[in-house]
Amino acid sequence: MEITKLGMAGTLESCDASVTVEPPETGNSGIELSIDCPDRRFSPHVRKAVLAALQEAGVAAARVFVRDRCALDCTIRARVLAACHRAAERI
């Protein structure tokens, strides 16, 4: 899936996550991931869930920003997939 524009999903409510996906900067390839997590102990777990969702969607290059508010894995995956589909203009 090719990311062509900005796509967002989620909220900043408790137990949710806000995800923004945008095309990579010119000349960059790969995933650039930024995670804002209230408890840094969970950042590696959130990172793993985000990367798995990106792989599932077939996203090879993008800038991804996640603001986690103690969301479950399934919520994080859903937010990432929705943002990717919006950014690829599939929704």
PDB file of N, CA and C in Angstrom:
ATOM      1  N   MET A   1       0.855  -1.170   0.000  1.00  0.00           N
ATOM      2  CA  MET A   1       0.000   0.000   0.000  1.00  0.00           C
ATOM      3  C   MET A   1       0.899   1.231   0.000  1.00  0.00           C
ATOM      4  N   GLU A   2       0.650   2.148  -0.914  1.00  0.00           N
ATOM      5  CA  GLU A   2       1.448   3.371  -0.994  1.00  0.00           C
ATOM      6  C   GLU A   2       0.725   4.524  -0.302  1.00  0.00           C
ATOM      7  N   ILE A   3       1.408   5.149   0.623  1.00  0.00           N
ATOM      8  CA  ILE A   3       0.858   6.295   1.355  1.00  0.00           C
ATOM      9  C   ILE A   3       1.049   7.541   0.487  1.00  0.00           C
ATOM     10  N   THR A   4      -0.063   8.191   0.125  1.00  0.00           N
ATOM     11  CA  THR A   4       0.010   9.333  -0.782  1.00  0.00           C
ATOM     12  C   THR A   4      -0.366  10.663  -0.139  1.00  0.00           C
ATOM     13  N   LYS A   5      -1.025  10.617   1.002  1.00  0.00           N
ATOM     14  CA  LYS A   5      -1.421  11.854   1.676  1.00  0.00           C
ATOM     15  C   LYS A   5      -1.517  11.598   3.175  1.00  0.00           C
ATOM     16  N   LEU A   6      -1.873  12.620   3.933  1.00  0.00           N
ATOM     17  CA  LEU A   6      -2.029  12.501   5.378  1.00  0.00           C
ATOM     18  C   LEU A   6      -3.302  11.724   5.699  1.00  0.00           C
ATOM     19  N   GLY A   7      -3.201  10.778   6.629  1.00  0.00           N
ATOM     20  CA  GLY A   7      -4.361  10.032   7.099  1.00  0.00           C
ATOM     21  C   GLY A   7      -4.334   9.955   8.611  1.00  0.00           C
ATOM     22  N   MET A   8      -5.501  10.140   9.234  1.00  0.00           N
ATOM     23  CA  MET A   8      -5.580  10.108  10.696  1.00  0.00           C
ATOM     24  C   MET A   8      -6.707   9.185  11.141  1.00  0.00           C
ATOM     25  N   ALA A   9      -6.542   8.630  12.349  1.00  0.00           N
ATOM     26  CA  ALA A   9      -7.586   7.808  12.955  1.00  0.00           C
ATOM     27  C   ALA A   9      -7.397   7.836  14.467  1.00  0.00           C
ATOM     28  N   GLY A  10      -8.507   7.713  15.194  1.00  0.00           N
ATOM     29  CA  GLY A  10      -8.458   7.639  16.649  1.00  0.00           C
ATOM     30  C   GLY A  10      -8.685   8.971  17.329  1.00  0.00           C
ATOM     31  N   THR A  11      -8.677   8.900  18.654  1.00  0.00           N
ATOM     32  CA  THR A  11      -8.899  10.087  19.487  1.00  0.00           C
ATOM     33  C   THR A  11      -7.859  10.105  20.597  1.00  0.00           C
ATOM     34  N   LEU A  12      -7.920  11.133  21.423  1.00  0.00           N
ATOM     35  CA  LEU A  12      -7.038  11.221  22.588  1.00  0.00           C
ATOM     36  C   LEU A  12      -7.785  10.872  23.867  1.00  0.00           C
ATOM     37  N   GLU A  13      -8.911  10.196  23.720  1.00  0.00           N
ATOM     38  CA  GLU A  13      -9.665   9.749  24.884  1.00  0.00           C
ATOM     39  C   GLU A  13      -8.907   8.617  25.583  1.00  0.00           C
ATOM     40  N   SER A  14      -9.249   8.366  26.822  1.00  0.00           N
ATOM     41  CA  SER A  14      -8.645   7.283  27.574  1.00  0.00           C
ATOM     42  C   SER A  14      -8.923   5.952  26.880  1.00  0.00           C
ATOM     43  N   CYS A  15      -7.952   5.067  26.882  1.00  0.00           N
ATOM     44  CA  CYS A  15      -8.038   3.733  26.268  1.00  0.00           C
ATOM     45  C   CYS A  15      -8.150   3.785  24.750  1.00  0.00           C
ATOM     46  N   ASP A  16      -7.626   4.819  24.136  1.00  0.00           N
ATOM     47  CA  ASP A  16      -7.628   4.948  22.682  1.00  0.00           C
ATOM     48  C   ASP A  16      -6.235   5.402  22.243  1.00  0.00           C
ATOM     49  N   ALA A  17      -6.057   5.545  20.954  1.00  0.00           N
ATOM     50  CA  ALA A  17      -4.798   6.038  20.411  1.00  0.00           C
ATOM     51  C   ALA A  17      -5.101   6.902  19.195  1.00  0.00           C
ATOM     52  N   SER A  18      -4.348   7.960  19.038  1.00  0.00           N
ATOM     53  CA  SER A  18      -4.453   8.814  17.866  1.00  0.00           C
ATOM     54  C   SER A  18      -3.275   8.483  16.960  1.00  0.00           C
ATOM     55  N   VAL A  19      -3.577   8.126  15.706  1.00  0.00           N
ATOM     56  CA  VAL A  19      -2.533   7.724  14.768  1.00  0.00           C
ATOM     57  C   VAL A  19      -2.578   8.635  13.546  1.00  0.00           C
ATOM     58  N   THR A  20      -1.419   9.140  13.156  1.00  0.00           N
ATOM     59  CA  THR A  20      -1.280   9.939  11.947  1.00  0.00           C
ATOM     60  C   THR A  20      -0.257   9.252  11.052  1.00  0.00           C
ATOM     61  N   VAL A  21      -0.634   9.059   9.793  1.00  0.00           N
ATOM     62  CA  VAL A  21       0.254   8.443   8.810  1.00  0.00           C
ATOM     63  C   VAL A  21       0.395   9.418   7.654  1.00  0.00           C
ATOM     64  N   GLU A  22       1.625   9.632   7.207  1.00  0.00           N
ATOM     65  CA  GLU A  22       1.852  10.532   6.077  1.00  0.00           C
ATOM     66  C   GLU A  22       2.977   9.979   5.208  1.00  0.00           C
ATOM     67  N   PRO A  23       3.073  10.473   3.980  1.00  0.00           N
ATOM     68  CA  PRO A  23       4.144   9.988   3.097  1.00  0.00           C
ATOM     69  C   PRO A  23       5.518  10.293   3.688  1.00  0.00           C
ATOM     70  N   PRO A  24       6.511   9.489   3.350  1.00  0.00           N
ATOM     71  CA  PRO A  24       7.862   9.759   3.851  1.00  0.00           C
ATOM     72  C   PRO A  24       8.415  11.026   3.202  1.00  0.00           C
ATOM     73  N   GLU A  25       9.409  11.612   3.854  1.00  0.00           N
ATOM     74  CA  GLU A  25      10.063  12.777   3.272  1.00  0.00           C
ATOM     75  C   GLU A  25      10.780  12.349   1.998  1.00  0.00           C
ATOM     76  N   THR A  26      10.930  13.269   1.079  1.00  0.00           N
ATOM     77  CA  THR A  26      11.574  12.978  -0.195  1.00  0.00           C
ATOM     78  C   THR A  26      12.961  12.394   0.033  1.00  0.00           C
ATOM     79  N   GLY A  27      13.221  11.294  -0.643  1.00  0.00           N
ATOM     80  CA  GLY A  27      14.529  10.654  -0.530  1.00  0.00           C
ATOM     81  C   GLY A  27      14.619   9.621   0.579  1.00  0.00           C
ATOM     82  N   ASN A  28      13.643   9.604   1.476  1.00  0.00           N
ATOM     83  CA  ASN A  28      13.654   8.627   2.568  1.00  0.00           C
ATOM     84  C   ASN A  28      12.783   7.439   2.203  1.00  0.00           C
ATOM     85  N   SER A  29      13.224   6.286   2.591  1.00  0.00           N
ATOM     86  CA  SER A  29      12.397   5.091   2.429  1.00  0.00           C
ATOM     87  C   SER A  29      12.393   4.371   3.768  1.00  0.00           C
ATOM     88  N   GLY A  30      11.381   3.610   3.987  1.00  0.00           N
ATOM     89  CA  GLY A  30      11.258   2.906   5.248  1.00  0.00           C
ATOM     90  C   GLY A  30      10.245   3.578   6.151  1.00  0.00           C
ATOM     91  N   ILE A  31      10.130   3.068   7.343  1.00  0.00           N
ATOM     92  CA  ILE A  31       9.160   3.551   8.310  1.00  0.00           C
ATOM     93  C   ILE A  31       9.855   4.453   9.324  1.00  0.00           C
ATOM     94  N   GLU A  32       9.316   5.645   9.495  1.00  0.00           N
ATOM     95  CA  GLU A  32       9.773   6.555  10.547  1.00  0.00           C
ATOM     96  C   GLU A  32       8.654   6.591  11.581  1.00  0.00           C
ATOM     97  N   LEU A  33       8.917   6.104  12.779  1.00  0.00           N
ATOM     98  CA  LEU A  33       7.884   5.930  13.793  1.00  0.00           C
ATOM     99  C   LEU A  33       8.175   6.754  15.037  1.00  0.00           C
ATOM    100  N   SER A  34       7.173   7.520  15.465  1.00  0.00           N
ATOM    101  CA  SER A  34       7.271   8.312  16.682  1.00  0.00           C
ATOM    102  C   SER A  34       6.101   7.932  17.585  1.00  0.00           C
ATOM    103  N   ILE A  35       6.415   7.572  18.839  1.00  0.00           N
ATOM    104  CA  ILE A  35       5.385   7.126  19.782  1.00  0.00           C
ATOM    105  C   ILE A  35       5.407   7.994  21.027  1.00  0.00           C
ATOM    106  N   ASP A  36       4.227   8.494  21.388  1.00  0.00           N
ATOM    107  CA  ASP A  36       4.043   9.244  22.631  1.00  0.00           C
ATOM    108  C   ASP A  36       3.157   8.381  23.526  1.00  0.00           C
ATOM    109  N   CYS A  37       3.735   7.882  24.602  1.00  0.00           N
ATOM    110  CA  CYS A  37       3.050   6.945  25.484  1.00  0.00           C
ATOM    111  C   CYS A  37       3.123   7.472  26.917  1.00  0.00           C
ATOM    112  N   PRO A  38       1.999   7.470  27.671  1.00  0.00           N
ATOM    113  CA  PRO A  38       2.043   8.002  29.030  1.00  0.00           C
ATOM    114  C   PRO A  38       2.967   7.206  29.958  1.00  0.00           C
ATOM    115  N   ASP A  39       3.104   5.931  29.698  1.00  0.00           N
ATOM    116  CA  ASP A  39       3.996   5.083  30.488  1.00  0.00           C
ATOM    117  C   ASP A  39       5.020   4.478  29.535  1.00  0.00           C
ATOM    118  N   ARG A  40       6.243   4.961  29.587  1.00  0.00           N
ATOM    119  CA  ARG A  40       7.279   4.556  28.632  1.00  0.00           C
ATOM    120  C   ARG A  40       7.573   3.051  28.648  1.00  0.00           C
ATOM    121  N   ARG A  41       7.184   2.366  29.700  1.00  0.00           N
ATOM    122  CA  ARG A  41       7.408   0.918  29.746  1.00  0.00           C
ATOM    123  C   ARG A  41       6.642   0.203  28.650  1.00  0.00           C
ATOM    124  N   PHE A  42       5.543   0.809  28.178  1.00  0.00           N
ATOM    125  CA  PHE A  42       4.712   0.164  27.170  1.00  0.00           C
ATOM    126  C   PHE A  42       5.089   0.557  25.742  1.00  0.00           C
ATOM    127  N   SER A  43       5.998   1.498  25.585  1.00  0.00           N
ATOM    128  CA  SER A  43       6.397   1.949  24.245  1.00  0.00           C
ATOM    129  C   SER A  43       6.880   0.816  23.339  1.00  0.00           C
ATOM    130  N   PRO A  44       7.721  -0.112  23.815  1.00  0.00           N
ATOM    131  CA  PRO A  44       8.140  -1.212  22.941  1.00  0.00           C
ATOM    132  C   PRO A  44       6.962  -2.088  22.497  1.00  0.00           C
ATOM    133  N   HIS A  45       5.998  -2.280  23.371  1.00  0.00           N
ATOM    134  CA  HIS A  45       4.826  -3.086  23.036  1.00  0.00           C
ATOM    135  C   HIS A  45       3.969  -2.376  21.982  1.00  0.00           C
ATOM    136  N   VAL A  46       3.793  -1.066  22.140  1.00  0.00           N
ATOM    137  CA  VAL A  46       3.038  -0.270  21.169  1.00  0.00           C
ATOM    138  C   VAL A  46       3.764  -0.294  19.828  1.00  0.00           C
ATOM    139  N   ARG A  47       5.083  -0.133  19.857  1.00  0.00           N
ATOM    140  CA  ARG A  47       5.895  -0.154  18.633  1.00  0.00           C
ATOM    141  C   ARG A  47       5.707  -1.469  17.882  1.00  0.00           C
ATOM    142  N   LYS A  48       5.727  -2.567  18.601  1.00  0.00           N
ATOM    143  CA  LYS A  48       5.563  -3.889  17.992  1.00  0.00           C
ATOM    144  C   LYS A  48       4.181  -4.010  17.329  1.00  0.00           C
ATOM    145  N   ALA A  49       3.131  -3.529  17.997  1.00  0.00           N
ATOM    146  CA  ALA A  49       1.775  -3.595  17.446  1.00  0.00           C
ATOM    147  C   ALA A  49       1.644  -2.720  16.197  1.00  0.00           C
ATOM    148  N   VAL A  50       2.245  -1.538  16.223  1.00  0.00           N
ATOM    149  CA  VAL A  50       2.181  -0.625  15.071  1.00  0.00           C
ATOM    150  C   VAL A  50       2.915  -1.229  13.880  1.00  0.00           C
ATOM    151  N   LEU A  51       4.118  -1.730  14.090  1.00  0.00           N
ATOM    152  CA  LEU A  51       4.895  -2.306  12.995  1.00  0.00           C
ATOM    153  C   LEU A  51       4.215  -3.535  12.405  1.00  0.00           C
ATOM    154  N   ALA A  52       3.564  -4.339  13.243  1.00  0.00           N
ATOM    155  CA  ALA A  52       2.833  -5.506  12.744  1.00  0.00           C
ATOM    156  C   ALA A  52       1.662  -5.074  11.869  1.00  0.00           C
ATOM    157  N   ALA A  53       0.953  -4.031  12.280  1.00  0.00           N
ATOM    158  CA  ALA A  53      -0.181  -3.534  11.486  1.00  0.00           C
ATOM    159  C   ALA A  53       0.299  -2.942  10.162  1.00  0.00           C
ATOM    160  N   LEU A  54       1.419  -2.223  10.183  1.00  0.00           N
ATOM    161  CA  LEU A  54       1.962  -1.657   8.945  1.00  0.00           C
ATOM    162  C   LEU A  54       2.384  -2.762   7.979  1.00  0.00           C
ATOM    163  N   GLN A  55       2.980  -3.807   8.526  1.00  0.00           N
ATOM    164  CA  GLN A  55       3.381  -4.935   7.697  1.00  0.00           C
ATOM    165  C   GLN A  55       2.149  -5.621   7.102  1.00  0.00           C
ATOM    166  N   GLU A  56       1.119  -5.792   7.904  1.00  0.00           N
ATOM    167  CA  GLU A  56      -0.127  -6.409   7.434  1.00  0.00           C
ATOM    168  C   GLU A  56      -0.741  -5.594   6.299  1.00  0.00           C
ATOM    169  N   ALA A  57      -0.654  -4.273   6.392  1.00  0.00           N
ATOM    170  CA  ALA A  57      -1.220  -3.389   5.369  1.00  0.00           C
ATOM    171  C   ALA A  57      -0.316  -3.283   4.142  1.00  0.00           C
ATOM    172  N   GLY A  58       0.906  -3.754   4.254  1.00  0.00           N
ATOM    173  CA  GLY A  58       1.833  -3.679   3.132  1.00  0.00           C
ATOM    174  C   GLY A  58       2.452  -2.308   2.952  1.00  0.00           C
ATOM    175  N   VAL A  59       2.571  -1.566   4.030  1.00  0.00           N
ATOM    176  CA  VAL A  59       3.171  -0.230   3.983  1.00  0.00           C
ATOM    177  C   VAL A  59       4.684  -0.377   4.175  1.00  0.00           C
ATOM    178  N   ALA A  60       5.432   0.070   3.163  1.00  0.00           N
ATOM    179  CA  ALA A  60       6.883  -0.049   3.222  1.00  0.00           C
ATOM    180  C   ALA A  60       7.564   1.265   3.572  1.00  0.00           C
ATOM    181  N   ALA A  61       6.894   2.386   3.289  1.00  0.00           N
ATOM    182  CA  ALA A  61       7.499   3.696   3.546  1.00  0.00           C
ATOM    183  C   ALA A  61       6.435   4.668   4.023  1.00  0.00           C
ATOM    184  N   ALA A  62       6.655   5.250   5.206  1.00  0.00           N
ATOM    185  CA  ALA A  62       5.710   6.220   5.763  1.00  0.00           C
ATOM    186  C   ALA A  62       6.293   6.846   7.015  1.00  0.00           C
ATOM    187  N   ARG A  63       5.734   7.992   7.371  1.00  0.00           N
ATOM    188  CA  ARG A  63       6.000   8.611   8.666  1.00  0.00           C
ATOM    189  C   ARG A  63       4.758   8.370   9.510  1.00  0.00           C
ATOM    190  N   VAL A  64       4.946   7.799  10.695  1.00  0.00           N
ATOM    191  CA  VAL A  64       3.826   7.417  11.555  1.00  0.00           C
ATOM    192  C   VAL A  64       4.013   8.039  12.930  1.00  0.00           C
ATOM    193  N   PHE A  65       2.960   8.708  13.398  1.00  0.00           N
ATOM    194  CA  PHE A  65       2.966   9.318  14.718  1.00  0.00           C
ATOM    195  C   PHE A  65       1.833   8.706  15.534  1.00  0.00           C
ATOM    196  N   VAL A  66       2.152   8.180  16.707  1.00  0.00           N
ATOM    197  CA  VAL A  66       1.153   7.539  17.564  1.00  0.00           C
ATOM    198  C   VAL A  66       1.140   8.226  18.920  1.00  0.00           C
ATOM    199  N   ARG A  67      -0.049   8.649  19.340  1.00  0.00           N
ATOM    200  CA  ARG A  67      -0.235   9.187  20.695  1.00  0.00           C
ATOM    201  C   ARG A  67      -1.130   8.187  21.414  1.00  0.00           C
ATOM    202  N   ASP A  68      -0.508   7.334  22.192  1.00  0.00           N
ATOM    203  CA  ASP A  68      -1.214   6.260  22.890  1.00  0.00           C
ATOM    204  C   ASP A  68      -1.779   6.759  24.213  1.00  0.00           C
ATOM    205  N   ARG A  69      -2.984   6.342  24.511  1.00  0.00           N
ATOM    206  CA  ARG A  69      -3.625   6.639  25.790  1.00  0.00           C
ATOM    207  C   ARG A  69      -4.095   5.330  26.418  1.00  0.00           C
ATOM    208  N   CYS A  70      -3.133   4.399  26.554  1.00  0.00           N
ATOM    209  CA  CYS A  70      -3.372   3.086  27.177  1.00  0.00           C
ATOM    210  C   CYS A  70      -4.349   2.228  26.369  1.00  0.00           C
ATOM    211  N   ALA A  71      -4.214   2.267  25.045  1.00  0.00           N
ATOM    212  CA  ALA A  71      -5.081   1.481  24.170  1.00  0.00           C
ATOM    213  C   ALA A  71      -4.643   0.016  24.146  1.00  0.00           C
ATOM    214  N   LEU A  72      -5.599  -0.860  23.909  1.00  0.00           N
ATOM    215  CA  LEU A  72      -5.308  -2.276  23.721  1.00  0.00           C
ATOM    216  C   LEU A  72      -4.677  -2.488  22.353  1.00  0.00           C
ATOM    217  N   ASP A  73      -4.013  -3.640  22.177  1.00  0.00           N
ATOM    218  CA  ASP A  73      -3.376  -3.962  20.899  1.00  0.00           C
ATOM    219  C   ASP A  73      -4.359  -3.895  19.737  1.00  0.00           C
ATOM    220  N   CYS A  74      -5.543  -4.453  19.927  1.00  0.00           N
ATOM    221  CA  CYS A  74      -6.530  -4.481  18.842  1.00  0.00           C
ATOM    222  C   CYS A  74      -6.946  -3.069  18.451  1.00  0.00           C
ATOM    223  N   THR A  75      -7.004  -2.169  19.402  1.00  0.00           N
ATOM    224  CA  THR A  75      -7.357  -0.778  19.117  1.00  0.00           C
ATOM    225  C   THR A  75      -6.228  -0.094  18.347  1.00  0.00           C
ATOM    226  N   ILE A  76      -5.000  -0.322  18.760  1.00  0.00           N
ATOM    227  CA  ILE A  76      -3.853   0.266  18.073  1.00  0.00           C
ATOM    228  C   ILE A  76      -3.814  -0.221  16.624  1.00  0.00           C
ATOM    229  N   ARG A  77      -3.967  -1.525  16.429  1.00  0.00           N
ATOM    230  CA  ARG A  77      -3.966  -2.084  15.069  1.00  0.00           C
ATOM    231  C   ARG A  77      -5.068  -1.476  14.222  1.00  0.00           C
ATOM    232  N   ALA A  78      -6.265  -1.361  14.779  1.00  0.00           N
ATOM    233  CA  ALA A  78      -7.393  -0.795  14.036  1.00  0.00           C
ATOM    234  C   ALA A  78      -7.130   0.656  13.648  1.00  0.00           C
ATOM    235  N   ARG A  79      -6.572   1.422  14.549  1.00  0.00           N
ATOM    236  CA  ARG A  79      -6.276   2.830  14.268  1.00  0.00           C
ATOM    237  C   ARG A  79      -5.200   2.956  13.188  1.00  0.00           C
ATOM    238  N   VAL A  80      -4.167   2.145  13.263  1.00  0.00           N
ATOM    239  CA  VAL A  80      -3.094   2.188  12.260  1.00  0.00           C
ATOM    240  C   VAL A  80      -3.640   1.799  10.891  1.00  0.00           C
ATOM    241  N   LEU A  81      -4.404   0.726  10.820  1.00  0.00           N
ATOM    242  CA  LEU A  81      -4.960   0.277   9.540  1.00  0.00           C
ATOM    243  C   LEU A  81      -5.906   1.320   8.946  1.00  0.00           C
ATOM    244  N   ALA A  82      -6.754   1.913   9.778  1.00  0.00           N
ATOM    245  CA  ALA A  82      -7.687   2.941   9.286  1.00  0.00           C
ATOM    246  C   ALA A  82      -6.922   4.155   8.760  1.00  0.00           C
ATOM    247  N   ALA A  83      -5.914   4.603   9.496  1.00  0.00           N
ATOM    248  CA  ALA A  83      -5.124   5.757   9.061  1.00  0.00           C
ATOM    249  C   ALA A  83      -4.391   5.453   7.754  1.00  0.00           C
ATOM    250  N   CYS A  84      -3.884   4.235   7.611  1.00  0.00           N
ATOM    251  CA  CYS A  84      -3.196   3.849   6.375  1.00  0.00           C
ATOM    252  C   CYS A  84      -4.149   3.832   5.192  1.00  0.00           C
ATOM    253  N   HIS A  85      -5.308   3.276   5.376  1.00  0.00           N
ATOM    254  CA  HIS A  85      -6.295   3.235   4.278  1.00  0.00           C
ATOM    255  C   HIS A  85      -6.711   4.657   3.879  1.00  0.00           C
ATOM    256  N   ARG A  86      -6.869   5.531   4.837  1.00  0.00           N
ATOM    257  CA  ARG A  86      -7.199   6.920   4.524  1.00  0.00           C
ATOM    258  C   ARG A  86      -6.045   7.615   3.804  1.00  0.00           C
ATOM    259  N   ALA A  87      -4.821   7.355   4.257  1.00  0.00           N
ATOM    260  CA  ALA A  87      -3.646   7.977   3.648  1.00  0.00           C
ATOM    261  C   ALA A  87      -3.351   7.437   2.247  1.00  0.00           C
ATOM    262  N   ALA A  88      -3.831   6.252   1.966  1.00  0.00           N
ATOM    263  CA  ALA A  88      -3.648   5.644   0.627  1.00  0.00           C
ATOM    264  C   ALA A  88      -4.877   5.893  -0.244  1.00  0.00           C
ATOM    265  N   GLU A  89      -5.833   6.661   0.282  1.00  0.00           N
ATOM    266  CA  GLU A  89      -7.081   7.021  -0.414  1.00  0.00           C
ATOM    267  C   GLU A  89      -7.883   5.782  -0.814  1.00  0.00           C
ATOM    268  N   ARG A  90      -7.938   4.819   0.089  1.00  0.00           N
ATOM    269  CA  ARG A  90      -8.746   3.615  -0.138  1.00  0.00           C
ATOM    270  C   ARG A  90     -10.086   3.678   0.559  1.00  0.00           C
ATOM    271  N   ILE A  91     -10.287   4.715   1.380  1.00  0.00           N
ATOM    272  CA  ILE A  91     -11.580   4.887   2.070  1.00  0.00           C
ATOM    273  C   ILE A  91     -12.189   6.175   1.604  1.00  0.00           C
TER     274      ILE A  91
END
